[in-house]
Each structure stands twice: as C-alpha cells, then as structure tokens.
Amino acid sequence: MRKTFDCCSDAPRNERVTRAKLRGGIVFMSTESVAAASVRAPLDQWERAFLGQAREELEAAKRLVAAERVDREGATSAGWAAVFCMLMQMCFEKLGKAALARSDRDAFRRYRHSHRTGTRLVAALKQMRGSEIHFRWKAILPLVTELERSHPSISREGPHLEYPWEASDTDGRAVVRSPGLDLPIAIRLASPSDRGAIELIRLAETILLQWSTLW
C-alpha cells in the first residue's frame, strides 16, 4: 500500500480539502479552493516549460547575489535581497508546478495558477526521508515556505514581496514600507553572516539536478 501524506491534518473538517498526488505515493493536501483551469497541451510540455522558467529565475538570482550582495561603499543593502527573494519564490513555485505536471493532470489543472505550489513541493520533499534532499536541506526548507507566505497575493496587507505596503509607525501614524528596507526575510538574507541565499540557490540546483529521480 502506498503511503500518503497530509500536510493539512489540523485543518477544520468543514474546510474544503483538495489533493494532488505525486509519484511514490506522496499526497499534497490543501485547504485552498481554486477552480481547475483548462489544460489541452501535453503535460510533459508544461513540465519542460515550468522547469525552463525556474532555471531562468534561478540563474537571475545567482547573478544578483554575485553582483549586488555588497554595495560600492561596502555596506550591506537589503534591496538586492528583496529582488532575490522575489526570484526565488517564483523559482520554487515553478518547480512545484512542474512536479504536478509530471505527476497528476487533475492537480496541475487545479493549481496551475496558484502561488502556493512551493509549500506543496516542500511538503513532498520533507517526506523523502531516505533522500539526500531530506537530510542535507531539511533546515533550509522552511525558508521556501516563508518566501511563499511573503507573496503579495497571500500576505495582502504586508509585509510582502514586490510592492510597498502601508503600516503604522510607533506613534500610530500611517507610513509606507518597502520590501528593500522592511521585509524581514530580505533583511535577514542581506546580512553578510547569513548563508540562507546561497543555501536556497543550492537547494534549487539540487532539485533540478535530481529531478528525474525525485518524481
């Protein structure tokens, strides 16, 4: 019997639960309610397209880290890290969609336009307890989830990726915050002592390298 995994086991029973199976008996579950989109092209074409896009976003993120980690005065800036976070969020989202395209047409149709496929990818990777990814990257996987939760369609009121947001200062006055200055995950990754950016890049590279064996 195949093992299944429920990443939303604590969800209230009255919430709608949808599933997307991956090879190896892994099951993604979510309380997100989305309408299935029409898919006419072969799934392998979708898989290749999403993998290609993920690679492009990964390469852009790598160039950004190499070129802009430290500004000309030698002071750390979170601006590059905010853009890096946006690129890596998109990269892991595309990897999640490619995995669904490879394994389950119905799930792919349902989640093709979702921004929550990165967490489904993480849930599946956490279940691969005998794999290199589970042991080597277990500590960094929560960062993928944090990136996804910072997407503006999920963290609507901020803080979030891509766009400024309105907040209140210590005196209760309305002020505008921006990802490059105020996004917690970007501030963390911009620190010269933090290796999160490098580890996220290496995780994505490992997933791509082992793609055919993972799914």
N, C-alpha and C. Protein backbone atom coordinates (compact mmCIF):
# COMPACT_ATOMS: atom_id res chain seq x y z
N MET A 1 0.84 -1.19 0.00
CA MET A 1 0.00 0.00 0.00
C MET A 1 0.88 1.25 0.00
N ARG A 2 0.51 2.22 -0.82
CA ARG A 2 1.28 3.45 -0.87
C ARG A 2 1.01 4.30 0.36
N LYS A 3 2.06 4.95 0.83
CA LYS A 3 1.91 5.86 1.95
C LYS A 3 1.38 7.19 1.43
N THR A 4 0.61 7.86 2.27
CA THR A 4 0.11 9.18 1.91
C THR A 4 0.53 10.19 2.96
N PHE A 5 0.53 11.43 2.57
CA PHE A 5 0.96 12.49 3.46
C PHE A 5 -0.08 13.59 3.47
N ASP A 6 -0.50 13.99 4.65
CA ASP A 6 -1.50 15.03 4.80
C ASP A 6 -0.83 16.23 5.45
N CYS A 7 -0.59 17.29 4.65
CA CYS A 7 0.09 18.47 5.19
C CYS A 7 -0.89 19.42 5.85
N CYS A 8 -2.17 19.07 5.86
CA CYS A 8 -3.18 19.94 6.48
C CYS A 8 -4.03 19.14 7.45
N SER A 9 -3.43 18.24 8.20
CA SER A 9 -4.19 17.35 9.06
C SER A 9 -4.91 18.10 10.18
N ASP A 10 -4.45 19.33 10.50
CA ASP A 10 -5.07 20.10 11.56
C ASP A 10 -6.17 21.03 11.06
N ALA A 11 -6.47 20.97 9.77
CA ALA A 11 -7.47 21.86 9.21
C ALA A 11 -8.86 21.48 9.70
N PRO A 12 -9.73 22.49 9.93
CA PRO A 12 -11.11 22.19 10.34
C PRO A 12 -11.80 21.31 9.33
N ARG A 13 -12.67 20.42 9.82
CA ARG A 13 -13.31 19.45 8.93
C ARG A 13 -14.21 20.10 7.90
N ASN A 14 -14.73 21.30 8.21
CA ASN A 14 -15.65 21.91 7.27
C ASN A 14 -14.94 22.64 6.14
N GLU A 15 -13.59 22.69 6.18
CA GLU A 15 -12.86 23.33 5.10
C GLU A 15 -12.75 22.36 3.93
N ARG A 16 -12.81 22.92 2.74
CA ARG A 16 -12.69 22.09 1.55
C ARG A 16 -11.25 21.65 1.39
N VAL A 17 -11.05 20.37 1.21
CA VAL A 17 -9.69 19.84 1.07
C VAL A 17 -9.51 19.29 -0.34
N THR A 18 -8.42 19.69 -0.98
CA THR A 18 -8.11 19.19 -2.31
C THR A 18 -6.77 18.48 -2.28
N ARG A 19 -6.59 17.52 -3.17
CA ARG A 19 -5.38 16.69 -3.17
C ARG A 19 -4.70 16.69 -4.52
N ALA A 20 -3.40 16.50 -4.46
CA ALA A 20 -2.63 16.34 -5.68
C ALA A 20 -1.56 15.29 -5.42
N LYS A 21 -1.64 14.15 -6.08
CA LYS A 21 -0.71 13.06 -5.84
C LYS A 21 0.56 13.22 -6.66
N LEU A 22 1.67 12.89 -6.04
CA LEU A 22 2.95 12.81 -6.73
C LEU A 22 3.40 11.36 -6.72
N ARG A 23 4.29 11.04 -7.60
CA ARG A 23 4.79 9.67 -7.66
C ARG A 23 5.41 9.27 -6.33
N GLY A 24 5.38 7.99 -6.04
CA GLY A 24 5.92 7.49 -4.80
C GLY A 24 4.89 7.52 -3.68
N GLY A 25 3.63 7.79 -4.02
CA GLY A 25 2.59 7.76 -3.02
C GLY A 25 2.50 9.00 -2.17
N ILE A 26 3.22 10.07 -2.54
CA ILE A 26 3.17 11.30 -1.77
C ILE A 26 1.91 12.06 -2.14
N VAL A 27 1.22 12.61 -1.15
CA VAL A 27 -0.01 13.35 -1.41
C VAL A 27 0.11 14.75 -0.85
N PHE A 28 -0.12 15.74 -1.70
CA PHE A 28 -0.22 17.12 -1.24
C PHE A 28 -1.67 17.38 -0.89
N MET A 29 -1.93 18.05 0.21
CA MET A 29 -3.30 18.42 0.54
C MET A 29 -3.33 19.90 0.91
N SER A 30 -4.42 20.56 0.57
CA SER A 30 -4.52 21.99 0.82
C SER A 30 -5.96 22.38 1.07
N THR A 31 -6.15 23.43 1.86
CA THR A 31 -7.48 23.97 2.07
C THR A 31 -7.77 25.08 1.07
N GLU A 32 -6.84 25.36 0.18
CA GLU A 32 -7.05 26.39 -0.83
C GLU A 32 -8.10 25.93 -1.83
N SER A 33 -9.09 26.75 -2.08
CA SER A 33 -10.14 26.41 -3.03
C SER A 33 -9.90 27.17 -4.32
N VAL A 34 -9.59 26.45 -5.38
CA VAL A 34 -9.32 27.08 -6.66
C VAL A 34 -10.04 26.32 -7.76
N ALA A 35 -10.40 27.04 -8.81
CA ALA A 35 -11.08 26.43 -9.93
C ALA A 35 -10.07 25.81 -10.87
N ALA A 36 -10.38 24.63 -11.38
CA ALA A 36 -9.48 23.96 -12.30
C ALA A 36 -9.45 24.69 -13.63
N ALA A 37 -8.24 24.92 -14.16
CA ALA A 37 -8.08 25.59 -15.45
C ALA A 37 -8.00 24.54 -16.55
N SER A 38 -8.39 24.93 -17.73
CA SER A 38 -8.34 24.02 -18.87
C SER A 38 -6.89 23.77 -19.28
N VAL A 39 -6.56 22.52 -19.52
CA VAL A 39 -5.22 22.14 -19.98
C VAL A 39 -5.38 21.24 -21.19
N ARG A 40 -4.96 21.71 -22.35
CA ARG A 40 -5.10 20.92 -23.58
C ARG A 40 -3.77 20.36 -24.06
N ALA A 41 -2.68 21.08 -23.80
CA ALA A 41 -1.36 20.65 -24.25
C ALA A 41 -0.86 19.48 -23.41
N PRO A 42 0.02 18.64 -23.96
CA PRO A 42 0.58 17.52 -23.18
C PRO A 42 1.28 18.00 -21.91
N LEU A 43 1.15 17.24 -20.84
CA LEU A 43 1.73 17.64 -19.57
C LEU A 43 3.25 17.71 -19.61
N ASP A 44 3.89 16.90 -20.45
CA ASP A 44 5.35 16.96 -20.50
C ASP A 44 5.82 18.30 -21.06
N GLN A 45 5.02 18.91 -21.94
CA GLN A 45 5.37 20.24 -22.43
C GLN A 45 5.26 21.28 -21.31
N TRP A 46 4.22 21.16 -20.50
CA TRP A 46 4.08 22.05 -19.36
C TRP A 46 5.23 21.85 -18.38
N GLU A 47 5.58 20.61 -18.12
CA GLU A 47 6.69 20.34 -17.20
C GLU A 47 7.97 21.00 -17.68
N ARG A 48 8.30 20.81 -18.96
CA ARG A 48 9.53 21.40 -19.51
C ARG A 48 9.48 22.92 -19.46
N ALA A 49 8.32 23.49 -19.74
CA ALA A 49 8.19 24.94 -19.74
C ALA A 49 8.40 25.52 -18.34
N PHE A 50 7.78 24.89 -17.33
CA PHE A 50 7.94 25.39 -15.97
C PHE A 50 9.36 25.17 -15.46
N LEU A 51 9.97 24.05 -15.82
CA LEU A 51 11.36 23.83 -15.43
C LEU A 51 12.28 24.85 -16.08
N GLY A 52 12.03 25.15 -17.35
CA GLY A 52 12.84 26.15 -18.05
C GLY A 52 12.72 27.52 -17.39
N GLN A 53 11.50 27.90 -17.02
CA GLN A 53 11.30 29.18 -16.36
C GLN A 53 11.97 29.20 -15.00
N ALA A 54 11.87 28.09 -14.26
CA ALA A 54 12.52 28.01 -12.94
C ALA A 54 14.03 28.17 -13.08
N ARG A 55 14.61 27.56 -14.09
CA ARG A 55 16.05 27.69 -14.32
C ARG A 55 16.44 29.14 -14.63
N GLU A 56 15.63 29.82 -15.42
CA GLU A 56 15.93 31.21 -15.76
C GLU A 56 15.87 32.10 -14.52
N GLU A 57 14.87 31.89 -13.69
CA GLU A 57 14.76 32.68 -12.47
C GLU A 57 15.89 32.36 -11.51
N LEU A 58 16.30 31.11 -11.45
CA LEU A 58 17.42 30.73 -10.61
C LEU A 58 18.71 31.39 -11.08
N GLU A 59 18.94 31.37 -12.39
CA GLU A 59 20.15 32.00 -12.93
C GLU A 59 20.16 33.49 -12.66
N ALA A 60 19.02 34.15 -12.77
CA ALA A 60 18.94 35.57 -12.47
C ALA A 60 19.24 35.83 -11.00
N ALA A 61 18.73 34.98 -10.13
CA ALA A 61 19.00 35.12 -8.70
C ALA A 61 20.49 34.93 -8.40
N LYS A 62 21.13 33.98 -9.06
CA LYS A 62 22.56 33.73 -8.85
C LYS A 62 23.39 34.94 -9.30
N ARG A 63 23.02 35.52 -10.43
CA ARG A 63 23.75 36.70 -10.91
C ARG A 63 23.57 37.88 -9.96
N LEU A 64 22.39 37.99 -9.41
CA LEU A 64 22.12 39.08 -8.48
C LEU A 64 22.97 38.95 -7.22
N VAL A 65 23.06 37.74 -6.69
CA VAL A 65 23.87 37.52 -5.50
C VAL A 65 25.34 37.83 -5.79
N ALA A 66 25.81 37.41 -6.94
CA ALA A 66 27.22 37.62 -7.29
C ALA A 66 27.53 39.10 -7.49
N ALA A 67 26.60 39.85 -8.06
CA ALA A 67 26.88 41.23 -8.44
C ALA A 67 26.52 42.26 -7.38
N GLU A 68 25.51 41.98 -6.56
CA GLU A 68 24.97 43.05 -5.73
C GLU A 68 24.87 42.72 -4.25
N ARG A 69 25.57 41.73 -3.79
CA ARG A 69 25.47 41.40 -2.36
C ARG A 69 25.99 42.54 -1.49
N VAL A 70 27.00 43.24 -1.96
CA VAL A 70 27.55 44.37 -1.20
C VAL A 70 27.60 45.58 -2.12
N ASP A 71 27.18 46.73 -1.64
CA ASP A 71 27.18 47.92 -2.49
C ASP A 71 28.59 48.50 -2.59
N ARG A 72 28.71 49.60 -3.33
CA ARG A 72 30.04 50.15 -3.64
C ARG A 72 30.78 50.64 -2.40
N GLU A 73 30.04 51.06 -1.38
CA GLU A 73 30.69 51.54 -0.15
C GLU A 73 31.02 50.40 0.81
N GLY A 74 30.63 49.18 0.43
CA GLY A 74 30.91 48.04 1.28
C GLY A 74 29.87 47.79 2.34
N ALA A 75 28.77 48.57 2.33
CA ALA A 75 27.70 48.38 3.31
C ALA A 75 26.65 47.44 2.75
N THR A 76 26.10 46.63 3.63
CA THR A 76 25.09 45.67 3.21
C THR A 76 23.78 46.38 2.87
N SER A 77 23.17 46.02 1.77
CA SER A 77 21.88 46.57 1.37
C SER A 77 20.87 45.45 1.25
N ALA A 78 19.63 45.67 1.75
CA ALA A 78 18.59 44.66 1.63
C ALA A 78 17.86 44.75 0.30
N GLY A 79 18.17 45.79 -0.50
CA GLY A 79 17.48 45.96 -1.77
C GLY A 79 17.68 44.79 -2.71
N TRP A 80 18.91 44.33 -2.84
CA TRP A 80 19.17 43.19 -3.72
C TRP A 80 18.47 41.94 -3.20
N ALA A 81 18.43 41.81 -1.86
CA ALA A 81 17.85 40.62 -1.26
C ALA A 81 16.34 40.56 -1.49
N ALA A 82 15.66 41.72 -1.53
CA ALA A 82 14.23 41.74 -1.79
C ALA A 82 13.93 41.22 -3.19
N VAL A 83 14.76 41.62 -4.16
CA VAL A 83 14.59 41.13 -5.53
C VAL A 83 14.96 39.65 -5.61
N PHE A 84 16.02 39.26 -4.90
CA PHE A 84 16.41 37.86 -4.84
C PHE A 84 15.28 37.00 -4.30
N CYS A 85 14.64 37.45 -3.22
CA CYS A 85 13.53 36.70 -2.63
C CYS A 85 12.39 36.53 -3.63
N MET A 86 12.10 37.58 -4.39
CA MET A 86 11.04 37.51 -5.39
C MET A 86 11.38 36.46 -6.44
N LEU A 87 12.62 36.46 -6.90
CA LEU A 87 13.04 35.50 -7.92
C LEU A 87 13.00 34.06 -7.40
N MET A 88 13.46 33.86 -6.18
CA MET A 88 13.49 32.50 -5.63
C MET A 88 12.09 32.01 -5.29
N GLN A 89 11.21 32.90 -4.86
CA GLN A 89 9.82 32.49 -4.65
C GLN A 89 9.21 31.99 -5.95
N MET A 90 9.46 32.73 -7.04
CA MET A 90 8.93 32.32 -8.34
C MET A 90 9.57 31.02 -8.81
N CYS A 91 10.86 30.86 -8.53
CA CYS A 91 11.57 29.64 -8.93
C CYS A 91 10.95 28.40 -8.26
N PHE A 92 10.75 28.45 -6.95
CA PHE A 92 10.19 27.29 -6.25
C PHE A 92 8.72 27.08 -6.60
N GLU A 93 8.00 28.15 -6.88
CA GLU A 93 6.62 28.00 -7.34
C GLU A 93 6.59 27.23 -8.67
N LYS A 94 7.50 27.58 -9.59
CA LYS A 94 7.54 26.89 -10.89
C LYS A 94 7.96 25.44 -10.72
N LEU A 95 8.89 25.17 -9.81
CA LEU A 95 9.30 23.78 -9.57
C LEU A 95 8.13 22.97 -9.04
N GLY A 96 7.33 23.56 -8.16
CA GLY A 96 6.15 22.86 -7.65
C GLY A 96 5.16 22.55 -8.75
N LYS A 97 4.95 23.50 -9.65
CA LYS A 97 4.01 23.28 -10.75
C LYS A 97 4.55 22.26 -11.74
N ALA A 98 5.86 22.27 -11.97
CA ALA A 98 6.45 21.26 -12.85
C ALA A 98 6.28 19.86 -12.27
N ALA A 99 6.41 19.75 -10.94
CA ALA A 99 6.23 18.46 -10.28
C ALA A 99 4.80 17.96 -10.45
N LEU A 100 3.83 18.87 -10.33
CA LEU A 100 2.44 18.48 -10.52
C LEU A 100 2.17 18.09 -11.97
N ALA A 101 2.75 18.83 -12.91
CA ALA A 101 2.57 18.50 -14.32
C ALA A 101 3.15 17.13 -14.64
N ARG A 102 4.21 16.76 -13.95
CA ARG A 102 4.86 15.47 -14.18
C ARG A 102 4.05 14.31 -13.61
N SER A 103 3.20 14.61 -12.61
CA SER A 103 2.62 13.51 -11.85
C SER A 103 1.10 13.43 -11.80
N ASP A 104 0.40 14.54 -11.97
CA ASP A 104 -1.05 14.48 -11.78
C ASP A 104 -1.75 15.57 -12.59
N ARG A 105 -2.44 15.20 -13.65
CA ARG A 105 -3.11 16.16 -14.52
C ARG A 105 -4.17 16.96 -13.77
N ASP A 106 -5.01 16.29 -13.00
CA ASP A 106 -6.08 16.98 -12.30
C ASP A 106 -5.53 18.02 -11.33
N ALA A 107 -4.50 17.64 -10.57
CA ALA A 107 -3.90 18.57 -9.62
C ALA A 107 -3.24 19.74 -10.35
N PHE A 108 -2.59 19.43 -11.46
CA PHE A 108 -1.95 20.50 -12.23
C PHE A 108 -2.99 21.48 -12.76
N ARG A 109 -4.10 20.97 -13.26
CA ARG A 109 -5.17 21.85 -13.75
C ARG A 109 -5.67 22.75 -12.62
N ARG A 110 -5.76 22.22 -11.43
CA ARG A 110 -6.29 23.00 -10.31
C ARG A 110 -5.32 24.05 -9.82
N TYR A 111 -4.03 23.72 -9.81
CA TYR A 111 -3.05 24.61 -9.19
C TYR A 111 -2.12 25.32 -10.17
N ARG A 112 -2.43 25.27 -11.43
CA ARG A 112 -1.53 25.89 -12.43
C ARG A 112 -1.38 27.38 -12.19
N HIS A 113 -2.40 28.04 -11.71
CA HIS A 113 -2.33 29.49 -11.48
C HIS A 113 -2.14 29.85 -10.01
N SER A 114 -1.91 28.85 -9.18
CA SER A 114 -1.76 29.10 -7.74
C SER A 114 -0.34 29.58 -7.42
N HIS A 115 -0.23 30.41 -6.37
CA HIS A 115 1.08 30.84 -5.88
C HIS A 115 1.53 30.01 -4.68
N ARG A 116 0.81 28.92 -4.40
CA ARG A 116 1.08 28.12 -3.20
C ARG A 116 1.72 26.77 -3.50
N THR A 117 2.28 26.60 -4.67
CA THR A 117 2.85 25.29 -5.01
C THR A 117 4.23 25.07 -4.42
N GLY A 118 4.90 26.13 -3.97
CA GLY A 118 6.20 25.96 -3.32
C GLY A 118 6.08 25.18 -2.03
N THR A 119 5.04 25.46 -1.24
CA THR A 119 4.86 24.74 0.02
C THR A 119 4.49 23.28 -0.23
N ARG A 120 3.79 23.01 -1.32
CA ARG A 120 3.47 21.62 -1.65
C ARG A 120 4.76 20.88 -2.02
N LEU A 121 5.64 21.55 -2.72
CA LEU A 121 6.94 20.96 -3.04
C LEU A 121 7.71 20.64 -1.77
N VAL A 122 7.73 21.58 -0.83
CA VAL A 122 8.41 21.38 0.45
C VAL A 122 7.81 20.21 1.21
N ALA A 123 6.47 20.13 1.23
CA ALA A 123 5.82 19.04 1.94
C ALA A 123 6.24 17.69 1.38
N ALA A 124 6.34 17.59 0.06
CA ALA A 124 6.76 16.34 -0.56
C ALA A 124 8.21 16.02 -0.24
N LEU A 125 9.08 17.02 -0.30
CA LEU A 125 10.50 16.79 -0.03
C LEU A 125 10.73 16.36 1.41
N LYS A 126 9.94 16.89 2.33
CA LYS A 126 10.09 16.50 3.74
C LYS A 126 9.74 15.04 3.96
N GLN A 127 8.93 14.46 3.08
CA GLN A 127 8.54 13.07 3.24
C GLN A 127 9.56 12.10 2.64
N MET A 128 10.53 12.62 1.90
CA MET A 128 11.55 11.77 1.28
C MET A 128 12.67 11.54 2.27
N ARG A 129 12.37 10.80 3.33
CA ARG A 129 13.29 10.70 4.46
C ARG A 129 14.58 9.97 4.14
N GLY A 130 14.60 9.19 3.10
CA GLY A 130 15.82 8.49 2.76
C GLY A 130 16.66 9.20 1.71
N SER A 131 16.20 10.39 1.30
CA SER A 131 16.87 11.09 0.21
C SER A 131 17.91 12.07 0.73
N GLU A 132 18.83 12.44 -0.16
CA GLU A 132 19.84 13.45 0.19
C GLU A 132 19.18 14.78 0.50
N ILE A 133 18.13 15.11 -0.23
CA ILE A 133 17.47 16.39 -0.03
C ILE A 133 16.90 16.49 1.38
N HIS A 134 16.30 15.41 1.87
CA HIS A 134 15.71 15.45 3.21
C HIS A 134 16.78 15.71 4.27
N PHE A 135 17.91 15.01 4.20
CA PHE A 135 18.94 15.14 5.23
C PHE A 135 19.77 16.40 5.05
N ARG A 136 20.12 16.72 3.79
CA ARG A 136 21.02 17.85 3.53
C ARG A 136 20.32 19.19 3.65
N TRP A 137 19.03 19.23 3.27
CA TRP A 137 18.36 20.53 3.13
C TRP A 137 17.20 20.73 4.10
N LYS A 138 17.06 19.85 5.07
CA LYS A 138 15.91 19.93 5.99
C LYS A 138 15.82 21.30 6.66
N ALA A 139 16.94 21.86 7.05
CA ALA A 139 16.94 23.12 7.78
C ALA A 139 16.57 24.32 6.91
N ILE A 140 16.80 24.22 5.61
CA ILE A 140 16.55 25.36 4.73
C ILE A 140 15.15 25.32 4.11
N LEU A 141 14.48 24.17 4.13
CA LEU A 141 13.15 24.07 3.52
C LEU A 141 12.14 25.08 4.07
N PRO A 142 12.15 25.40 5.38
CA PRO A 142 11.19 26.40 5.87
C PRO A 142 11.34 27.77 5.21
N LEU A 143 12.52 28.09 4.69
CA LEU A 143 12.70 29.36 4.00
C LEU A 143 11.85 29.43 2.74
N VAL A 144 11.68 28.30 2.07
CA VAL A 144 10.84 28.26 0.87
C VAL A 144 9.39 28.61 1.25
N THR A 145 8.95 28.07 2.37
CA THR A 145 7.60 28.37 2.86
C THR A 145 7.48 29.85 3.23
N GLU A 146 8.52 30.40 3.86
CA GLU A 146 8.49 31.81 4.24
C GLU A 146 8.44 32.71 3.01
N LEU A 147 9.17 32.34 1.97
CA LEU A 147 9.12 33.10 0.72
C LEU A 147 7.71 33.11 0.15
N GLU A 148 7.09 31.94 0.14
CA GLU A 148 5.73 31.85 -0.41
C GLU A 148 4.75 32.69 0.40
N ARG A 149 4.88 32.65 1.70
CA ARG A 149 3.97 33.42 2.56
C ARG A 149 4.15 34.92 2.41
N SER A 150 5.27 35.33 1.81
CA SER A 150 5.53 36.75 1.57
C SER A 150 5.01 37.22 0.22
N HIS A 151 4.41 36.31 -0.55
CA HIS A 151 3.85 36.72 -1.84
C HIS A 151 2.70 37.70 -1.60
N PRO A 152 2.59 38.77 -2.40
CA PRO A 152 1.54 39.77 -2.14
C PRO A 152 0.11 39.25 -2.25
N SER A 153 -0.10 38.15 -2.95
CA SER A 153 -1.46 37.60 -3.02
C SER A 153 -1.81 36.81 -1.76
N ILE A 154 -0.80 36.50 -0.94
CA ILE A 154 -1.01 35.75 0.30
C ILE A 154 -0.91 36.68 1.51
N SER A 155 0.18 37.45 1.58
CA SER A 155 0.32 38.46 2.63
C SER A 155 -0.18 39.79 2.08
N ARG A 156 -1.47 39.91 1.97
CA ARG A 156 -2.08 41.03 1.24
C ARG A 156 -1.81 42.39 1.88
N GLU A 157 -1.78 42.45 3.19
CA GLU A 157 -1.60 43.72 3.88
C GLU A 157 -0.13 44.03 4.16
N GLY A 158 0.77 43.10 3.80
CA GLY A 158 2.19 43.30 4.05
C GLY A 158 2.59 42.78 5.43
N PRO A 159 3.88 42.64 5.66
CA PRO A 159 4.94 42.86 4.67
C PRO A 159 4.93 41.79 3.57
N HIS A 160 5.33 42.19 2.35
CA HIS A 160 5.31 41.24 1.26
C HIS A 160 6.33 41.61 0.18
N LEU A 161 6.51 40.67 -0.74
CA LEU A 161 7.41 40.85 -1.87
C LEU A 161 6.81 41.82 -2.89
N GLU A 162 7.67 42.31 -3.78
CA GLU A 162 7.29 43.05 -4.99
C GLU A 162 6.86 44.49 -4.77
N TYR A 163 5.89 44.73 -3.84
CA TYR A 163 5.27 46.04 -3.74
C TYR A 163 5.43 46.64 -2.34
N PRO A 164 5.44 48.00 -2.26
CA PRO A 164 5.36 48.64 -0.94
C PRO A 164 4.00 48.36 -0.30
N TRP A 165 3.90 48.58 0.99
CA TRP A 165 2.65 48.41 1.72
C TRP A 165 2.53 49.49 2.79
N GLU A 166 1.33 49.68 3.29
CA GLU A 166 1.09 50.68 4.32
C GLU A 166 1.09 50.03 5.69
N ALA A 167 1.72 50.71 6.64
CA ALA A 167 1.80 50.22 8.01
C ALA A 167 1.66 51.41 8.96
N SER A 168 1.81 51.16 10.24
CA SER A 168 1.75 52.22 11.23
C SER A 168 3.09 52.32 11.94
N ASP A 169 3.53 53.57 12.22
CA ASP A 169 4.77 53.74 12.97
C ASP A 169 4.49 53.63 14.46
N THR A 170 5.49 53.91 15.27
CA THR A 170 5.34 53.74 16.72
C THR A 170 4.32 54.70 17.32
N ASP A 171 4.04 55.79 16.61
CA ASP A 171 3.05 56.76 17.07
C ASP A 171 1.67 56.52 16.48
N GLY A 172 1.53 55.42 15.72
CA GLY A 172 0.25 55.10 15.14
C GLY A 172 -0.05 55.82 13.83
N ARG A 173 0.93 56.54 13.29
CA ARG A 173 0.72 57.23 12.03
C ARG A 173 0.95 56.31 10.85
N ALA A 174 0.18 56.50 9.78
CA ALA A 174 0.32 55.67 8.59
C ALA A 174 1.62 56.00 7.88
N VAL A 175 2.37 54.97 7.54
CA VAL A 175 3.63 55.12 6.80
C VAL A 175 3.69 54.04 5.73
N VAL A 176 4.53 54.27 4.73
CA VAL A 176 4.71 53.30 3.66
C VAL A 176 6.01 52.54 3.88
N ARG A 177 5.93 51.22 3.83
CA ARG A 177 7.10 50.35 3.96
C ARG A 177 7.40 49.72 2.60
N SER A 178 8.64 49.29 2.42
CA SER A 178 9.03 48.70 1.15
C SER A 178 9.83 47.43 1.37
N PRO A 179 9.78 46.49 0.39
CA PRO A 179 10.50 45.22 0.56
C PRO A 179 11.99 45.39 0.78
N GLY A 180 12.61 46.34 0.07
CA GLY A 180 14.05 46.51 0.17
C GLY A 180 14.54 47.03 1.51
N LEU A 181 13.63 47.62 2.28
CA LEU A 181 14.01 48.18 3.58
C LEU A 181 13.36 47.47 4.76
N ASP A 182 12.19 46.87 4.55
CA ASP A 182 11.40 46.43 5.68
C ASP A 182 10.94 44.97 5.64
N LEU A 183 11.22 44.24 4.59
CA LEU A 183 10.77 42.84 4.52
C LEU A 183 11.70 41.97 5.36
N PRO A 184 11.19 41.33 6.41
CA PRO A 184 12.07 40.60 7.34
C PRO A 184 12.98 39.57 6.68
N ILE A 185 12.45 38.76 5.77
CA ILE A 185 13.28 37.73 5.17
C ILE A 185 14.38 38.34 4.30
N ALA A 186 14.10 39.48 3.66
CA ALA A 186 15.12 40.14 2.84
C ALA A 186 16.21 40.73 3.72
N ILE A 187 15.82 41.32 4.83
CA ILE A 187 16.81 41.88 5.77
C ILE A 187 17.72 40.77 6.29
N ARG A 188 17.13 39.63 6.60
CA ARG A 188 17.93 38.50 7.10
C ARG A 188 18.92 38.02 6.05
N LEU A 189 18.44 37.80 4.82
CA LEU A 189 19.30 37.25 3.77
C LEU A 189 20.36 38.24 3.33
N ALA A 190 20.14 39.53 3.55
CA ALA A 190 21.12 40.54 3.15
C ALA A 190 22.32 40.59 4.09
N SER A 191 22.20 40.00 5.26
CA SER A 191 23.30 40.02 6.22
C SER A 191 24.49 39.22 5.69
N PRO A 192 25.69 39.78 5.74
CA PRO A 192 26.88 39.05 5.26
C PRO A 192 27.13 37.75 6.00
N SER A 193 26.64 37.64 7.22
CA SER A 193 26.87 36.42 8.00
C SER A 193 25.82 35.34 7.74
N ASP A 194 24.78 35.67 6.99
CA ASP A 194 23.71 34.70 6.74
C ASP A 194 23.96 33.98 5.42
N ARG A 195 23.81 32.66 5.43
CA ARG A 195 24.05 31.85 4.23
C ARG A 195 22.75 31.36 3.59
N GLY A 196 21.63 31.93 4.01
CA GLY A 196 20.35 31.49 3.50
C GLY A 196 20.21 31.63 1.99
N ALA A 197 20.70 32.74 1.43
CA ALA A 197 20.59 32.95 -0.01
C ALA A 197 21.36 31.87 -0.78
N ILE A 198 22.57 31.61 -0.34
CA ILE A 198 23.39 30.59 -1.00
C ILE A 198 22.75 29.21 -0.87
N GLU A 199 22.21 28.92 0.32
CA GLU A 199 21.60 27.61 0.54
C GLU A 199 20.32 27.44 -0.29
N LEU A 200 19.54 28.51 -0.46
CA LEU A 200 18.35 28.42 -1.31
C LEU A 200 18.74 28.13 -2.75
N ILE A 201 19.79 28.77 -3.21
CA ILE A 201 20.27 28.53 -4.57
C ILE A 201 20.70 27.07 -4.73
N ARG A 202 21.46 26.58 -3.77
CA ARG A 202 21.96 25.20 -3.85
C ARG A 202 20.83 24.18 -3.74
N LEU A 203 19.81 24.49 -2.95
CA LEU A 203 18.65 23.60 -2.87
C LEU A 203 17.97 23.51 -4.22
N ALA A 204 17.72 24.65 -4.86
CA ALA A 204 17.07 24.65 -6.18
C ALA A 204 17.93 23.90 -7.19
N GLU A 205 19.23 24.10 -7.15
CA GLU A 205 20.14 23.40 -8.07
C GLU A 205 20.06 21.88 -7.84
N THR A 206 20.01 21.47 -6.58
CA THR A 206 19.93 20.04 -6.26
C THR A 206 18.63 19.44 -6.76
N ILE A 207 17.52 20.14 -6.57
CA ILE A 207 16.22 19.65 -7.05
C ILE A 207 16.26 19.48 -8.56
N LEU A 208 16.81 20.44 -9.27
CA LEU A 208 16.88 20.36 -10.73
C LEU A 208 17.81 19.22 -11.16
N LEU A 209 18.91 19.05 -10.46
CA LEU A 209 19.88 18.01 -10.81
C LEU A 209 19.27 16.61 -10.61
N GLN A 210 18.46 16.44 -9.57
CA GLN A 210 17.89 15.13 -9.24
C GLN A 210 16.44 14.99 -9.72
N TRP A 211 16.01 15.87 -10.58
CA TRP A 211 14.60 15.95 -10.95
C TRP A 211 14.00 14.61 -11.38
N SER A 212 14.67 13.94 -12.29
CA SER A 212 14.08 12.71 -12.86
C SER A 212 13.98 11.58 -11.83
N THR A 213 14.81 11.63 -10.79
CA THR A 213 14.76 10.58 -9.76
C THR A 213 13.81 10.94 -8.61
N LEU A 214 13.58 12.23 -8.41
CA LEU A 214 12.70 12.67 -7.31
C LEU A 214 11.25 12.31 -7.56
N TRP A 215 10.79 12.50 -8.79
CA TRP A 215 9.39 12.29 -9.10
C TRP A 215 9.21 11.10 -10.02
